[in-house]
């Protein structure tokens, strides 16, 4: 049985991400402002990385759109520059609805067109796990854990991420594990 202290530590201090979002290519210059706005909306950034997707990675990332007419143009655009990827947590009833509302504001303010719209966010629990794994499965990137602003290699992070996706028990991904 969990003690109240353990419950608080697990849920409040060390939450698992319930959202993935990213700034799309060409929008990395908004990174600092984006993070401030996320925090103002009650989102806790658990981890982040700057990622340049390969064609194969981005085609897998957007596989659900494969049969849509915009799929190839979207993939072409998404590999043009770096994306800033985030795992986030917000204590709310419907994190997808909350993030979608935030995304609409960002797209209205910063978006250039329907494709170059500023940001992407997950729309389901399954996609959170899938998109985190795809975005953070990188070898040469550096990651920053928001709790202590400590930089680690993505390989170290990915090992910890495996615990979130259920493949290994190596701690959690919010910066509280020992490296």
Foldseek 3Di string as FASTA:
>chain_A
DDDPVRVCCDPPVNDAFQKKKKWAPPQVVCVVVLVVVCVVLQKDWQKKWKDQDDLVLVCVLVVVCVPPPCSVVLSVRRNPHIMMMTGIDGPDDQVLVSVVVVLVVQQVVPNDDPRSRTMDMDRDSVSRLVVCLSRLVDFQIWMAQPVVRDIDTSVVLNVQSCVVVPNDPQDHRRPPGDD
